[in-house]
Amino acid sequence: MFKRMESGISAKSIGADYLSWVKDCAKKLHLKGAVFTKDDGSIKIIAEGEDEDLRELTEKLEVNNLLFTVENFYVKWEDAKEEFKDFTIGYQKVYT
């Protein structure tokens, strides 16, 4: 089933490399959407695709690693809006 997932992440020491990592993960899973840094420094991810692929991305996002510790994480599920052609690193003003 084609769905949409919106997620937000707050973590200390999270940076631009993280945006690229999310984009790479999403593309490997054939997802469409965007990842961007919000004005408050948190990261927002909007992804659309098959439910199983979205759940796999969500599992990867929740995991802490050696570079940062996740302080806040949420996921919101919706029906797909099919507004994306690819997965990109975007800008908050476009997606809010």
N, C-alpha and C. Protein backbone atom coordinates (compact mmCIF):
# COMPACT_ATOMS: atom_id res chain seq x y z
N MET A 1 0.84 -1.17 0.00
CA MET A 1 0.00 0.00 0.00
C MET A 1 0.89 1.25 0.00
N PHE A 2 0.56 2.21 -0.80
CA PHE A 2 1.31 3.46 -0.94
C PHE A 2 0.88 4.42 0.17
N LYS A 3 1.84 4.88 0.98
CA LYS A 3 1.53 5.74 2.13
C LYS A 3 2.49 6.92 2.19
N ARG A 4 2.26 7.77 3.18
CA ARG A 4 3.11 8.94 3.43
C ARG A 4 3.50 8.93 4.91
N MET A 5 4.76 9.20 5.15
CA MET A 5 5.29 9.26 6.50
C MET A 5 5.95 10.61 6.68
N GLU A 6 5.59 11.30 7.77
CA GLU A 6 6.28 12.53 8.15
C GLU A 6 6.94 12.27 9.49
N SER A 7 8.20 12.64 9.58
CA SER A 7 8.96 12.37 10.79
C SER A 7 9.78 13.59 11.17
N GLY A 8 10.00 13.74 12.45
CA GLY A 8 10.84 14.81 12.96
C GLY A 8 11.86 14.25 13.93
N ILE A 9 13.07 14.80 13.89
CA ILE A 9 14.15 14.32 14.74
C ILE A 9 14.88 15.53 15.33
N SER A 10 15.11 15.48 16.63
CA SER A 10 15.97 16.44 17.29
C SER A 10 17.11 15.66 17.92
N ALA A 11 18.32 16.14 17.73
CA ALA A 11 19.49 15.47 18.31
C ALA A 11 20.64 16.46 18.39
N LYS A 12 21.48 16.28 19.39
CA LYS A 12 22.68 17.10 19.49
C LYS A 12 23.69 16.61 18.48
N SER A 13 24.41 17.53 17.87
CA SER A 13 25.49 17.23 16.92
C SER A 13 24.99 16.61 15.61
N ILE A 14 23.74 16.82 15.27
CA ILE A 14 23.23 16.31 13.99
C ILE A 14 23.49 17.39 12.94
N GLY A 15 24.00 17.00 11.79
CA GLY A 15 24.39 18.00 10.80
C GLY A 15 24.00 17.65 9.38
N ALA A 16 24.63 18.35 8.45
CA ALA A 16 24.31 18.21 7.03
C ALA A 16 24.58 16.79 6.51
N ASP A 17 25.57 16.11 7.08
CA ASP A 17 25.85 14.73 6.66
C ASP A 17 24.65 13.83 6.90
N TYR A 18 23.91 14.13 7.95
CA TYR A 18 22.72 13.35 8.27
C TYR A 18 21.67 13.49 7.18
N LEU A 19 21.50 14.70 6.65
CA LEU A 19 20.54 14.91 5.57
C LEU A 19 20.90 14.05 4.36
N SER A 20 22.17 14.01 4.03
CA SER A 20 22.63 13.20 2.90
C SER A 20 22.41 11.71 3.17
N TRP A 21 22.66 11.30 4.40
CA TRP A 21 22.46 9.89 4.76
C TRP A 21 20.99 9.50 4.62
N VAL A 22 20.08 10.36 5.11
CA VAL A 22 18.64 10.09 4.99
C VAL A 22 18.26 10.00 3.51
N LYS A 23 18.73 10.92 2.71
CA LYS A 23 18.43 10.91 1.28
C LYS A 23 18.92 9.61 0.64
N ASP A 24 20.13 9.19 0.96
CA ASP A 24 20.67 7.94 0.40
C ASP A 24 19.83 6.73 0.81
N CYS A 25 19.46 6.67 2.09
CA CYS A 25 18.62 5.56 2.57
C CYS A 25 17.27 5.54 1.84
N ALA A 26 16.66 6.70 1.72
CA ALA A 26 15.34 6.79 1.07
C ALA A 26 15.42 6.38 -0.39
N LYS A 27 16.46 6.81 -1.08
CA LYS A 27 16.60 6.46 -2.50
C LYS A 27 16.79 4.95 -2.68
N LYS A 28 17.57 4.32 -1.78
CA LYS A 28 17.77 2.87 -1.85
C LYS A 28 16.46 2.11 -1.65
N LEU A 29 15.55 2.72 -0.91
CA LEU A 29 14.24 2.11 -0.65
C LEU A 29 13.19 2.54 -1.68
N HIS A 30 13.60 3.30 -2.69
CA HIS A 30 12.72 3.77 -3.77
C HIS A 30 11.60 4.67 -3.26
N LEU A 31 11.93 5.49 -2.26
CA LEU A 31 10.96 6.43 -1.69
C LEU A 31 11.10 7.79 -2.36
N LYS A 32 10.03 8.54 -2.32
CA LYS A 32 10.03 9.91 -2.83
C LYS A 32 9.71 10.83 -1.67
N GLY A 33 10.27 12.06 -1.70
CA GLY A 33 10.00 13.00 -0.63
C GLY A 33 11.12 13.98 -0.45
N ALA A 34 11.31 14.41 0.81
CA ALA A 34 12.34 15.41 1.10
C ALA A 34 12.77 15.31 2.56
N VAL A 35 13.98 15.76 2.82
CA VAL A 35 14.51 15.91 4.17
C VAL A 35 15.08 17.31 4.26
N PHE A 36 14.86 17.99 5.39
CA PHE A 36 15.37 19.35 5.53
C PHE A 36 15.51 19.72 6.99
N THR A 37 16.32 20.74 7.25
CA THR A 37 16.51 21.27 8.59
C THR A 37 15.51 22.40 8.80
N LYS A 38 14.79 22.33 9.89
CA LYS A 38 13.83 23.38 10.24
C LYS A 38 14.56 24.53 10.93
N ASP A 39 13.89 25.65 11.07
CA ASP A 39 14.48 26.83 11.69
C ASP A 39 14.98 26.57 13.11
N ASP A 40 14.35 25.63 13.82
CA ASP A 40 14.75 25.34 15.20
C ASP A 40 15.92 24.35 15.28
N GLY A 41 16.45 23.91 14.12
CA GLY A 41 17.58 22.99 14.08
C GLY A 41 17.20 21.53 14.00
N SER A 42 15.92 21.21 14.18
CA SER A 42 15.49 19.82 14.06
C SER A 42 15.39 19.44 12.58
N ILE A 43 15.30 18.16 12.35
CA ILE A 43 15.23 17.62 10.99
C ILE A 43 13.81 17.12 10.74
N LYS A 44 13.28 17.41 9.56
CA LYS A 44 11.97 16.89 9.17
C LYS A 44 12.15 16.05 7.92
N ILE A 45 11.46 14.91 7.89
CA ILE A 45 11.49 14.00 6.75
C ILE A 45 10.06 13.78 6.30
N ILE A 46 9.82 13.93 5.02
CA ILE A 46 8.54 13.59 4.41
C ILE A 46 8.87 12.54 3.35
N ALA A 47 8.27 11.36 3.47
CA ALA A 47 8.57 10.29 2.51
C ALA A 47 7.28 9.59 2.10
N GLU A 48 7.23 9.20 0.84
CA GLU A 48 6.10 8.44 0.32
C GLU A 48 6.60 7.21 -0.40
N GLY A 49 5.86 6.13 -0.25
CA GLY A 49 6.22 4.89 -0.91
C GLY A 49 5.45 3.73 -0.31
N GLU A 50 5.94 2.54 -0.57
CA GLU A 50 5.31 1.33 -0.05
C GLU A 50 5.47 1.28 1.47
N ASP A 51 4.44 0.84 2.14
CA ASP A 51 4.40 0.80 3.60
C ASP A 51 5.63 0.10 4.18
N GLU A 52 6.00 -1.04 3.65
CA GLU A 52 7.15 -1.80 4.16
C GLU A 52 8.45 -1.00 4.05
N ASP A 53 8.64 -0.29 2.95
CA ASP A 53 9.85 0.52 2.75
C ASP A 53 9.87 1.71 3.71
N LEU A 54 8.71 2.33 3.93
CA LEU A 54 8.62 3.45 4.87
C LEU A 54 8.94 2.99 6.29
N ARG A 55 8.45 1.82 6.66
CA ARG A 55 8.72 1.28 8.00
C ARG A 55 10.21 0.97 8.17
N GLU A 56 10.85 0.49 7.11
CA GLU A 56 12.29 0.24 7.19
C GLU A 56 13.06 1.55 7.38
N LEU A 57 12.68 2.59 6.66
CA LEU A 57 13.32 3.88 6.84
C LEU A 57 13.11 4.38 8.27
N THR A 58 11.90 4.25 8.79
CA THR A 58 11.60 4.69 10.14
C THR A 58 12.48 3.98 11.16
N GLU A 59 12.69 2.69 11.00
CA GLU A 59 13.55 1.93 11.91
C GLU A 59 14.98 2.47 11.87
N LYS A 60 15.47 2.81 10.70
CA LYS A 60 16.83 3.36 10.57
C LYS A 60 16.93 4.73 11.24
N LEU A 61 15.89 5.54 11.12
CA LEU A 61 15.90 6.88 11.68
C LEU A 61 15.91 6.87 13.21
N GLU A 62 15.27 5.88 13.81
CA GLU A 62 15.13 5.82 15.27
C GLU A 62 16.42 5.43 15.99
N VAL A 63 17.36 4.85 15.29
CA VAL A 63 18.55 4.30 15.92
C VAL A 63 19.57 5.39 16.24
N ASN A 64 20.05 5.40 17.47
CA ASN A 64 21.15 6.29 17.85
C ASN A 64 22.44 5.73 17.26
N ASN A 65 23.40 6.60 17.00
CA ASN A 65 24.71 6.13 16.56
C ASN A 65 25.80 6.82 17.37
N LEU A 66 27.04 6.60 17.01
CA LEU A 66 28.15 7.15 17.77
C LEU A 66 28.28 8.67 17.64
N LEU A 67 27.72 9.25 16.59
CA LEU A 67 27.88 10.68 16.33
C LEU A 67 26.84 11.55 17.02
N PHE A 68 25.67 10.99 17.31
CA PHE A 68 24.63 11.78 17.96
C PHE A 68 23.65 10.88 18.70
N THR A 69 22.95 11.47 19.64
CA THR A 69 21.91 10.77 20.39
C THR A 69 20.58 11.45 20.09
N VAL A 70 19.61 10.68 19.66
CA VAL A 70 18.28 11.21 19.35
C VAL A 70 17.62 11.67 20.66
N GLU A 71 17.18 12.92 20.68
CA GLU A 71 16.51 13.48 21.85
C GLU A 71 14.99 13.43 21.70
N ASN A 72 14.51 13.60 20.49
CA ASN A 72 13.08 13.63 20.23
C ASN A 72 12.83 13.04 18.85
N PHE A 73 11.83 12.21 18.73
CA PHE A 73 11.53 11.56 17.46
C PHE A 73 10.03 11.32 17.37
N TYR A 74 9.44 11.64 16.23
CA TYR A 74 8.03 11.32 16.02
C TYR A 74 7.81 10.85 14.59
N VAL A 75 6.74 10.12 14.40
CA VAL A 75 6.33 9.68 13.06
C VAL A 75 4.83 9.88 12.95
N LYS A 76 4.40 10.42 11.84
CA LYS A 76 2.98 10.62 11.54
C LYS A 76 2.69 9.92 10.21
N TRP A 77 1.66 9.10 10.17
CA TRP A 77 1.30 8.35 8.96
C TRP A 77 0.06 8.94 8.32
N GLU A 78 0.06 9.01 6.99
CA GLU A 78 -1.08 9.54 6.22
C GLU A 78 -1.19 8.80 4.90
N ASP A 79 -2.24 9.09 4.18
CA ASP A 79 -2.34 8.63 2.80
C ASP A 79 -1.38 9.44 1.95
N ALA A 80 -0.82 8.82 0.95
CA ALA A 80 0.13 9.50 0.06
C ALA A 80 -0.57 10.64 -0.69
N LYS A 81 0.16 11.73 -0.88
CA LYS A 81 -0.35 12.87 -1.66
C LYS A 81 0.26 12.89 -3.05
N GLU A 82 1.29 12.09 -3.25
CA GLU A 82 1.98 11.95 -4.54
C GLU A 82 2.41 13.29 -5.11
N GLU A 83 3.05 14.12 -4.28
CA GLU A 83 3.50 15.43 -4.72
C GLU A 83 4.99 15.48 -5.04
N PHE A 84 5.71 14.38 -4.86
CA PHE A 84 7.15 14.35 -5.10
C PHE A 84 7.50 13.48 -6.30
N LYS A 85 8.55 13.89 -7.02
CA LYS A 85 9.03 13.11 -8.17
C LYS A 85 10.28 12.31 -7.83
N ASP A 86 10.95 12.70 -6.73
CA ASP A 86 12.21 12.09 -6.33
C ASP A 86 12.36 12.33 -4.83
N PHE A 87 13.49 11.92 -4.27
CA PHE A 87 13.78 12.25 -2.87
C PHE A 87 14.90 13.26 -2.86
N THR A 88 14.67 14.41 -2.22
CA THR A 88 15.63 15.50 -2.27
C THR A 88 15.92 16.05 -0.88
N ILE A 89 17.00 16.81 -0.81
CA ILE A 89 17.25 17.63 0.35
C ILE A 89 16.59 18.96 0.03
N GLY A 90 15.58 19.31 0.83
CA GLY A 90 14.76 20.48 0.51
C GLY A 90 14.92 21.58 1.51
N TYR A 91 13.96 22.47 1.50
CA TYR A 91 13.97 23.66 2.35
C TYR A 91 12.63 23.78 3.06
N GLN A 92 12.66 24.15 4.33
CA GLN A 92 11.46 24.21 5.16
C GLN A 92 10.36 25.05 4.53
N LYS A 93 10.67 26.18 3.97
CA LYS A 93 9.65 27.08 3.46
C LYS A 93 8.82 26.44 2.32
N VAL A 94 9.40 25.46 1.66
CA VAL A 94 8.68 24.79 0.57
C VAL A 94 7.66 23.79 1.11
N TYR A 95 7.95 23.14 2.26
CA TYR A 95 7.15 22.03 2.72
C TYR A 95 6.34 22.30 3.99
N THR A 96 6.28 23.52 4.44
CA THR A 96 5.52 23.76 5.68
C THR A 96 4.27 24.54 5.39
